[in-house]
Amino acid sequence: MKRVLLLATTTGYQIRSFGEAAERLGVRLVFASDRCDRLEDPWWDGAIPVKYHDISLSIDAVVASFRGRAPDERPDGVIAVGDRPTVLAAHVSAAMGLPGNPPVATETSRNKLASRRALAAAGLLTPRFEVVSVSESLSPHTSLSYPVVVKPLALSGSQGVIRADDDESLAYAMDRVRRLLRTTDIAIERENAHESVLVETFIPGREYAVEGVLTRGVFQVFTIFDKPDPLDGPFFEETIYVTPSRASAETQRAIVDAIASAIRILGLCHGPVHAECRVNDQGIYVLEVAARPIGGLCSKAIQFSAVDGSLATLEEVLLRHALGESVESYRRTNRASGVMMIPIPRRGVYRGVSGVENARRIAGIDDVIITAKPDSTLVPLPEGRSYLGFIFAAADTPASVEEALRRAHDRLDFSIDRDVTIIQ
């Protein structure tokens, strides 16, 4: 039986999706995650405990776990789920002689400052930027022209990303991001990158996401997602992804060319790619090139077909790719599709939701999945990093998909109590 090593954090929706895909393909998944290494298999899945802040220790742990095993018990490929595992995945691939990205390329792509510097040095359109230490005293001054955007260097999903339009709002944004980076959930990651933040000029325009895969340096684009909701701040919560893109063919070609150039500059060469960019009259601004697949449950918005007519999920395609199979024949199905990541409207204690069945009855809606757990505390952006759930739709046109997603969201009524914090 073929085996794929899946590196992930202890939380994340995608692990189950990969597990289901592996079962359909008859592939054995071997997990490595940042869970407690002092308990005996606390999740009963035989996962290898790793620490993403200690790369050397984690490489040794993964390699040692396969030492002495028969060749057919060792992994045939490696996949990283989420941003943090990508760097370790690259190191592990190199240590075990498996195809993957160069570790230095993955490290550069994951750090917003390092990637900005690399892309700017190569002449790609890049916002002007400065780096500020979180340990410095607050200063409401910047040499950049307003508006600007404050960004943590190594957080994802727009967490901690805040727009500032003047000195006062910049000081507020810097203080808010500093406090976020000092919270227990962030501090426990022990990331050196959390000691600094990026301040860069705000880039107006429409935003797009690109999903694809690299095979020994050759970039295969799976799809381009439109993000129809304006992302102008003060926070940058993503909501709707729709494909195929309604941008002109010329704009789509320019997006793919810019992403491909950024990939070459960063040095990525093998594995999944999730990239984001902004487009305006100046051209294509590449915002991110991540060495991982699209996050959350969003992959359910893409379905693939092969030449023989068989259908596949993104996870199945990526597992085949990790095993060394060609995935060139896989193309996104012709029907328009999309997903809404249901935003958290306010901080509070989640009690429940009504209207789910009514939302599912909207024409074009494939499913409504609520991921928030009753009695849990909801934290919206910029401090939060999760959603209430996901809505999926498919229709004949992208416009119909977008309309179905919005109508379904309007049918949902979430009960959120005020979060009362008792100060001792």
Protein backbone atom coordinates (compact mmCIF):
# COMPACT_ATOMS: atom_id res chain seq x y z
CA MET A 1 0.00 0.00 0.00
CA LYS A 2 1.31 3.46 -0.94
CA ARG A 3 1.87 5.88 1.92
CA VAL A 4 1.79 9.68 2.13
CA LEU A 5 3.14 11.61 5.10
CA LEU A 6 0.73 14.41 5.99
CA LEU A 7 2.09 17.24 8.14
CA ALA A 8 -0.58 19.31 9.84
CA THR A 9 -1.40 21.21 12.99
CA THR A 10 -3.62 19.60 15.61
CA THR A 11 -6.51 21.69 14.35
CA GLY A 12 -7.72 22.06 10.79
CA TYR A 13 -10.67 20.99 8.68
CA GLN A 14 -8.58 19.53 5.87
CA ILE A 15 -7.22 16.51 7.72
CA ARG A 16 -10.55 14.68 7.48
CA SER A 17 -10.88 15.57 3.77
CA PHE A 18 -7.45 14.08 3.06
CA GLY A 19 -8.36 11.03 5.13
CA GLU A 20 -11.51 10.45 3.09
CA ALA A 21 -9.59 10.92 -0.16
CA ALA A 22 -6.89 8.50 0.94
CA GLU A 23 -9.51 5.86 1.79
CA ARG A 24 -11.06 6.19 -1.67
CA LEU A 25 -7.65 5.80 -3.33
CA GLY A 26 -6.47 2.98 -1.10
CA VAL A 27 -3.61 5.12 0.21
CA ARG A 28 -2.31 4.98 3.78
CA LEU A 29 -1.89 8.38 5.47
CA VAL A 30 0.83 8.79 8.07
CA PHE A 31 0.37 11.87 10.23
CA ALA A 32 2.88 14.23 11.84
CA SER A 33 1.53 17.06 13.96
CA ASP A 34 2.38 19.44 16.78
CA ARG A 35 0.63 17.54 19.55
CA CYS A 36 1.80 16.57 23.00
CA ASP A 37 4.72 14.16 22.84
CA ARG A 38 4.33 13.10 26.48
CA LEU A 39 1.01 11.32 26.01
CA GLU A 40 0.76 7.97 24.30
CA ASP A 41 -0.99 8.64 20.99
CA PRO A 42 -3.65 11.03 22.40
CA TRP A 43 -5.66 11.11 19.13
CA TRP A 44 -5.34 7.35 18.41
CA ASP A 45 -4.02 7.93 14.91
CA GLY A 46 -0.36 7.02 15.37
CA ALA A 47 0.76 10.55 14.54
CA ILE A 48 4.43 11.47 14.87
CA PRO A 49 4.72 14.35 17.37
CA VAL A 50 6.70 17.30 16.00
CA LYS A 51 7.42 20.88 17.03
CA TYR A 52 7.22 23.36 14.18
CA HIS A 53 9.41 25.85 16.02
CA ASP A 54 12.20 23.26 16.32
CA ILE A 55 12.95 22.09 12.80
CA SER A 56 16.06 20.02 13.58
CA LEU A 57 14.37 18.10 16.40
CA SER A 58 11.31 17.48 14.25
CA ILE A 59 13.29 16.25 11.24
CA ASP A 60 15.04 13.77 13.51
CA ALA A 61 11.72 12.63 14.98
CA VAL A 62 10.16 11.99 11.59
CA VAL A 63 13.21 10.27 10.09
CA ALA A 64 13.69 8.14 13.22
CA SER A 65 10.07 6.97 13.09
CA PHE A 66 10.75 5.26 9.74
CA ARG A 67 14.27 4.05 10.46
CA GLY A 68 14.57 0.29 10.12
CA ARG A 69 11.20 -0.13 8.45
CA ALA A 70 10.77 -2.03 5.22
CA PRO A 71 10.76 0.11 2.05
CA ASP A 72 7.02 -0.40 1.56
CA GLU A 73 6.37 1.03 5.05
CA ARG A 74 8.13 4.33 4.32
CA PRO A 75 6.32 7.35 2.85
CA ASP A 76 6.21 7.72 -0.92
CA GLY A 77 5.41 11.44 -0.70
CA VAL A 78 4.85 14.38 1.64
CA ILE A 79 2.05 16.95 1.84
CA ALA A 80 1.76 19.95 4.19
CA VAL A 81 -1.65 21.19 5.29
CA GLY A 82 -1.66 24.79 6.51
CA ASP A 83 1.11 27.38 6.56
CA ARG A 84 3.15 26.35 9.61
CA PRO A 85 3.85 22.77 8.44
CA THR A 86 5.19 23.83 5.01
CA VAL A 87 8.75 24.55 6.17
CA LEU A 88 9.12 21.27 8.05
CA ALA A 89 7.59 19.41 5.10
CA ALA A 90 10.30 20.79 2.82
CA HIS A 91 13.06 19.77 5.24
CA VAL A 92 11.57 16.30 5.73
CA SER A 93 11.23 15.76 1.98
CA ALA A 94 14.89 16.68 1.52
CA ALA A 95 16.02 14.46 4.42
CA MET A 96 14.10 11.46 3.09
CA GLY A 97 15.01 11.95 -0.56
CA LEU A 98 11.43 12.69 -1.64
CA PRO A 99 10.32 15.36 -4.13
CA GLY A 100 9.52 18.70 -2.52
CA ASN A 101 10.37 22.37 -2.33
CA PRO A 102 13.81 23.60 -1.28
CA PRO A 103 13.57 24.48 2.44
CA VAL A 104 14.93 28.00 1.91
CA ALA A 105 12.28 28.67 -0.75
CA THR A 106 9.50 27.55 1.58
CA GLU A 107 10.89 29.65 4.42
CA THR A 108 10.95 32.71 2.16
CA SER A 109 7.43 32.16 0.83
CA ARG A 110 5.98 31.78 4.34
CA ASN A 111 7.49 35.00 5.71
CA LYS A 112 5.76 38.10 4.36
CA LEU A 113 8.83 40.31 4.78
CA ALA A 114 11.22 37.84 3.12
CA SER A 115 8.85 37.26 0.20
CA ARG A 116 8.25 41.01 -0.26
CA ARG A 117 11.98 41.62 -0.39
CA ALA A 118 12.55 38.82 -2.89
CA LEU A 119 9.75 39.89 -5.22
CA ALA A 120 10.68 43.57 -5.04
CA ALA A 121 14.36 42.84 -5.75
CA ALA A 122 13.32 40.91 -8.86
CA GLY A 123 11.24 43.81 -10.16
CA LEU A 124 7.73 42.50 -9.58
CA LEU A 125 5.03 45.00 -8.66
CA THR A 126 5.17 45.16 -4.87
CA PRO A 127 3.71 47.56 -2.30
CA ARG A 128 6.24 49.80 -0.58
CA PHE A 129 6.92 48.43 2.88
CA GLU A 130 8.70 48.87 6.18
CA VAL A 131 9.34 46.44 9.04
CA VAL A 132 8.73 47.39 12.67
CA SER A 133 9.80 45.46 15.76
CA VAL A 134 6.95 44.71 18.15
CA SER A 135 9.29 45.44 21.05
CA GLU A 136 9.79 49.05 19.94
CA SER A 137 7.81 51.80 21.60
CA LEU A 138 4.70 52.76 19.71
CA SER A 139 5.23 55.37 17.05
CA PRO A 140 2.38 56.70 14.92
CA HIS A 141 4.82 57.72 12.21
CA THR A 142 5.63 56.07 8.90
CA SER A 143 7.52 57.26 5.87
CA LEU A 144 4.89 55.55 3.68
CA SER A 145 1.90 57.37 2.24
CA TYR A 146 -1.46 56.56 3.79
CA PRO A 147 -3.43 54.36 3.66
CA VAL A 148 -1.18 51.55 4.88
CA VAL A 149 -1.76 48.01 6.04
CA VAL A 150 -0.22 46.44 9.15
CA LYS A 151 0.52 42.71 8.80
CA PRO A 152 2.09 40.09 11.08
CA LEU A 153 4.85 38.30 9.19
CA ALA A 154 3.79 34.69 9.75
CA LEU A 155 0.05 34.56 10.42
CA SER A 156 -2.47 33.48 7.79
CA GLY A 157 -6.11 33.97 6.93
CA SER A 158 -5.88 37.78 7.34
CA GLN A 159 -5.39 37.38 11.08
CA GLY A 160 -3.91 40.58 12.51
CA VAL A 161 -4.16 42.45 9.19
CA ILE A 162 -5.44 46.01 9.76
CA ARG A 163 -5.67 49.08 7.52
CA ALA A 164 -4.62 52.49 8.87
CA ASP A 165 -5.52 55.80 7.21
CA ASP A 166 -3.63 58.23 9.46
CA ASP A 167 -1.19 58.45 12.37
CA GLU A 168 -3.87 57.82 14.97
CA SER A 169 -5.27 54.69 13.32
CA LEU A 170 -1.73 53.43 12.67
CA ALA A 171 -0.88 53.68 16.37
CA TYR A 172 -4.13 51.86 17.18
CA ALA A 173 -3.43 49.13 14.61
CA MET A 174 0.13 48.61 15.81
CA ASP A 175 -1.00 48.31 19.43
CA ARG A 176 -3.75 45.86 18.51
CA VAL A 177 -1.41 43.65 16.48
CA ARG A 178 1.23 43.77 19.21
CA ARG A 179 -1.30 42.57 21.79
CA LEU A 180 -2.43 39.80 19.43
CA LEU A 181 1.12 38.55 18.93
CA ARG A 182 1.57 38.38 22.70
CA THR A 183 -1.50 36.23 23.32
CA THR A 184 -0.89 32.69 24.52
CA ASP A 185 -2.18 31.06 21.32
CA ILE A 186 0.35 32.98 19.22
CA ALA A 187 3.25 33.09 21.67
CA ILE A 188 3.17 29.30 22.05
CA GLU A 189 4.20 28.99 18.38
CA ARG A 190 7.65 30.39 19.30
CA GLU A 191 8.06 31.99 15.89
CA ASN A 192 10.88 34.50 15.56
CA ALA A 193 8.82 36.17 12.84
CA HIS A 194 6.26 37.21 15.48
CA GLU A 195 8.80 39.73 16.79
CA SER A 196 8.17 42.03 13.82
CA VAL A 197 5.30 43.36 11.75
CA LEU A 198 5.10 44.60 8.18
CA VAL A 199 3.71 48.03 7.34
CA GLU A 200 3.01 48.40 3.63
CA THR A 201 1.08 50.68 1.32
CA PHE A 202 -2.53 49.68 0.71
CA ILE A 203 -3.05 48.38 -2.82
CA PRO A 204 -6.54 49.07 -4.19
CA GLY A 205 -8.12 46.73 -6.70
CA ARG A 206 -9.87 43.41 -7.16
CA GLU A 207 -8.45 40.38 -5.40
CA TYR A 208 -8.03 36.89 -6.83
CA ALA A 209 -6.79 33.51 -5.61
CA VAL A 210 -4.99 30.95 -7.76
CA GLU A 211 -4.88 27.25 -7.03
CA GLY A 212 -2.42 24.93 -8.71
CA VAL A 213 0.45 22.50 -8.37
CA LEU A 214 4.14 22.44 -9.26
CA THR A 215 5.72 19.35 -10.78
CA ARG A 216 9.51 19.69 -10.76
CA GLY A 217 9.24 23.36 -11.65
CA VAL A 218 6.31 23.17 -14.08
CA PHE A 219 3.29 25.14 -12.85
CA GLN A 220 -0.15 23.67 -13.55
CA VAL A 221 -3.04 26.03 -12.80
CA PHE A 222 -6.18 24.36 -11.49
CA THR A 223 -8.37 27.44 -11.24
CA ILE A 224 -8.57 31.18 -10.58
CA PHE A 225 -11.05 32.29 -7.93
CA ASP A 226 -12.72 35.69 -7.94
CA LYS A 227 -13.22 37.35 -4.57
CA PRO A 228 -16.31 39.45 -5.37
CA ASP A 229 -16.56 41.20 -2.00
CA PRO A 230 -14.35 44.31 -1.74
CA LEU A 231 -11.41 43.81 0.59
CA ASP A 232 -10.66 47.40 1.50
CA GLY A 233 -10.41 47.20 5.29
CA PRO A 234 -10.20 48.13 8.05
CA PHE A 235 -10.01 44.33 8.36
CA PHE A 236 -9.68 41.88 5.48
CA GLU A 237 -12.00 38.98 6.15
CA GLU A 238 -12.40 36.79 3.09
CA THR A 239 -15.94 35.61 2.43
CA ILE A 240 -16.78 34.44 -1.09
CA TYR A 241 -14.65 32.55 -3.63
CA VAL A 242 -16.18 31.91 -7.07
CA THR A 243 -14.76 30.12 -10.10
CA PRO A 244 -14.32 30.32 -13.05
CA SER A 245 -13.08 33.88 -12.88
CA ARG A 246 -15.10 36.58 -14.60
CA ALA A 247 -11.94 38.58 -15.32
CA SER A 248 -11.02 39.04 -18.97
CA ALA A 249 -8.88 36.40 -20.65
CA GLU A 250 -6.08 38.96 -20.85
CA THR A 251 -6.26 39.66 -17.11
CA GLN A 252 -6.32 35.95 -16.29
CA ARG A 253 -3.22 35.36 -18.41
CA ALA A 254 -1.49 38.26 -16.65
CA ILE A 255 -2.42 36.84 -13.24
CA VAL A 256 -1.01 33.41 -14.10
CA ASP A 257 2.16 34.95 -15.57
CA ALA A 258 2.72 37.07 -12.44
CA ILE A 259 2.17 34.11 -10.11
CA ALA A 260 4.49 31.92 -12.21
CA SER A 261 7.17 34.62 -12.04
CA ALA A 262 6.78 34.89 -8.27
CA ILE A 263 7.10 31.11 -7.94
CA ARG A 264 10.37 31.14 -9.88
CA ILE A 265 11.72 34.07 -7.86
CA LEU A 266 10.90 32.40 -4.55
CA GLY A 267 12.39 29.12 -5.75
CA LEU A 268 9.39 26.84 -5.18
CA CYS A 269 9.42 23.85 -7.48
CA HIS A 270 7.26 20.91 -6.35
CA GLY A 271 3.93 20.57 -4.57
CA PRO A 272 0.65 22.44 -4.07
CA VAL A 273 0.44 26.22 -4.57
CA HIS A 274 -2.13 28.65 -3.22
CA ALA A 275 -1.47 32.22 -4.38
CA GLU A 276 -3.26 35.53 -3.99
CA CYS A 277 -2.97 38.79 -5.89
CA ARG A 278 -4.54 42.21 -6.43
CA VAL A 279 -5.23 43.69 -9.84
CA ASN A 280 -5.57 47.36 -10.70
CA ASP A 281 -4.58 49.77 -13.48
CA GLN A 282 -0.92 49.43 -12.50
CA GLY A 283 -0.89 45.68 -13.05
CA ILE A 284 -0.70 42.51 -10.94
CA TYR A 285 0.48 42.71 -7.34
CA VAL A 286 1.35 39.27 -5.99
CA LEU A 287 0.41 39.26 -2.31
CA GLU A 288 1.19 35.67 -1.37
CA VAL A 289 2.51 32.43 -2.82
CA ALA A 290 2.03 29.63 -0.29
CA ALA A 291 3.44 26.11 -0.64
CA ARG A 292 0.17 24.48 0.41
CA PRO A 293 -3.36 23.86 -0.87
CA ILE A 294 -6.30 26.20 -0.23
CA GLY A 295 -7.34 26.19 3.43
CA GLY A 296 -10.34 25.18 5.48
CA LEU A 297 -13.06 23.29 3.65
CA CYS A 298 -12.76 25.55 0.60
CA SER A 299 -11.38 22.71 -1.52
CA LYS A 300 -14.94 21.36 -1.68
CA ALA A 301 -15.68 24.22 -4.08
CA ILE A 302 -13.51 22.56 -6.74
CA GLN A 303 -14.24 19.28 -8.48
CA PHE A 304 -11.97 17.74 -11.09
CA SER A 305 -12.50 15.45 -14.06
CA ALA A 306 -9.96 13.33 -15.88
CA VAL A 307 -9.79 12.38 -19.55
CA ASP A 308 -11.62 9.13 -18.80
CA GLY A 309 -14.52 11.08 -17.28
CA SER A 310 -13.81 10.12 -13.67
CA LEU A 311 -14.31 12.78 -11.01
CA ALA A 312 -11.93 13.65 -8.19
CA THR A 313 -11.55 16.04 -5.28
CA LEU A 314 -8.57 18.36 -4.85
CA GLU A 315 -7.28 16.11 -2.07
CA GLU A 316 -7.36 13.07 -4.36
CA VAL A 317 -5.46 14.94 -7.08
CA LEU A 318 -2.84 16.14 -4.59
CA LEU A 319 -2.40 12.67 -3.10
CA ARG A 320 -1.84 11.25 -6.58
CA HIS A 321 0.65 14.02 -7.25
CA ALA A 322 2.50 13.31 -4.00
CA LEU A 323 2.79 9.68 -5.04
CA GLY A 324 4.48 10.70 -8.28
CA GLU A 325 1.51 10.18 -10.58
CA SER A 326 0.87 12.61 -13.43
CA VAL A 327 -2.11 14.89 -12.79
CA GLU A 328 -1.89 16.76 -16.10
CA SER A 329 -5.15 15.24 -17.32
CA TYR A 330 -7.15 16.58 -14.36
CA ARG A 331 -9.15 19.72 -15.09
CA ARG A 332 -11.71 21.61 -13.07
CA THR A 333 -15.21 20.61 -14.17
CA ASN A 334 -17.00 23.10 -16.41
CA ARG A 335 -19.76 24.03 -13.99
CA ALA A 336 -19.30 27.26 -12.02
CA SER A 337 -18.85 26.77 -8.28
CA GLY A 338 -18.00 28.66 -5.15
CA VAL A 339 -17.83 28.82 -1.39
CA MET A 340 -18.74 31.33 1.28
CA MET A 341 -16.70 31.29 4.45
CA ILE A 342 -19.38 32.43 6.89
CA PRO A 343 -17.92 35.39 8.81
CA ILE A 344 -18.19 35.85 12.56
CA PRO A 345 -20.18 39.08 12.99
CA ARG A 346 -19.13 39.86 16.58
CA ARG A 347 -17.38 38.42 19.59
CA GLY A 348 -19.57 36.28 21.82
CA VAL A 349 -20.63 32.80 22.88
CA TYR A 350 -22.12 30.76 20.07
CA ARG A 351 -25.44 29.15 21.00
CA GLY A 352 -26.75 27.81 17.71
CA VAL A 353 -28.13 28.53 14.25
CA SER A 354 -31.49 28.31 12.56
CA GLY A 355 -32.38 28.34 8.89
CA VAL A 356 -29.84 25.78 7.70
CA GLU A 357 -32.40 23.61 5.92
CA ASN A 358 -33.98 26.68 4.32
CA ALA A 359 -30.54 27.74 3.10
CA ARG A 360 -29.91 24.28 1.63
CA ARG A 361 -33.15 24.56 -0.37
CA ILE A 362 -31.87 27.58 -2.30
CA ALA A 363 -31.36 26.69 -5.97
CA GLY A 364 -27.69 26.00 -6.62
CA ILE A 365 -26.70 25.32 -3.01
CA ASP A 366 -24.79 22.06 -2.60
CA ASP A 367 -24.34 22.13 1.16
CA VAL A 368 -24.19 24.24 4.29
CA ILE A 369 -21.67 23.08 6.90
CA ILE A 370 -21.62 24.78 10.30
CA THR A 371 -18.25 24.26 11.97
CA ALA A 372 -18.71 26.48 15.04
CA LYS A 373 -19.30 24.47 18.20
CA PRO A 374 -22.15 25.38 20.58
CA ASP A 375 -21.03 27.22 23.73
CA SER A 376 -17.66 28.11 22.19
CA THR A 377 -16.37 31.67 22.25
CA LEU A 378 -16.36 33.28 18.83
CA VAL A 379 -13.57 35.73 18.02
CA PRO A 380 -13.87 37.72 14.77
CA LEU A 381 -11.01 39.17 12.78
CA PRO A 382 -8.49 40.62 13.20
CA GLU A 383 -7.83 38.57 16.38
CA GLY A 384 -9.75 35.46 15.30
CA ARG A 385 -8.75 32.85 12.77
CA SER A 386 -11.89 30.82 12.13
CA TYR A 387 -15.36 31.01 10.58
CA LEU A 388 -18.87 29.98 11.55
CA GLY A 389 -18.93 27.50 8.69
CA PHE A 390 -19.06 27.15 4.93
CA ILE A 391 -21.71 27.39 2.20
CA PHE A 392 -21.10 25.63 -1.13
CA ALA A 393 -22.84 26.28 -4.43
CA ALA A 394 -22.68 25.24 -8.08
CA ALA A 395 -24.59 26.63 -11.06
CA ASP A 396 -24.32 27.39 -14.75
CA THR A 397 -22.66 30.79 -14.25
CA PRO A 398 -20.40 32.43 -11.66
CA ALA A 399 -23.03 35.14 -11.14
CA SER A 400 -25.63 32.51 -10.25
CA VAL A 401 -23.22 30.89 -7.81
CA GLU A 402 -22.56 34.19 -6.08
CA GLU A 403 -26.27 34.97 -5.86
CA ALA A 404 -27.04 31.53 -4.39
CA LEU A 405 -24.33 31.92 -1.74
CA ARG A 406 -25.64 35.33 -0.67
CA ARG A 407 -29.27 34.17 -0.58
CA ALA A 408 -28.36 31.12 1.49
CA HIS A 409 -26.39 33.25 3.94
CA ASP A 410 -29.40 35.54 4.35
CA ARG A 411 -31.48 32.51 5.47
CA LEU A 412 -29.12 31.75 8.38
CA ASP A 413 -29.79 33.22 11.82
CA PHE A 414 -26.97 32.75 14.32
CA SER A 415 -27.54 33.08 18.06
CA ILE A 416 -24.52 34.69 19.71
CA ASP A 417 -24.62 35.76 23.36
CA ARG A 418 -22.47 38.55 24.70
CA ASP A 419 -19.12 37.30 25.96
CA VAL A 420 -18.93 38.35 29.62
CA THR A 421 -15.37 38.19 30.91
CA ILE A 422 -14.96 38.23 34.67
CA ILE A 423 -11.90 40.18 35.78
CA GLN A 424 -10.45 38.92 39.06
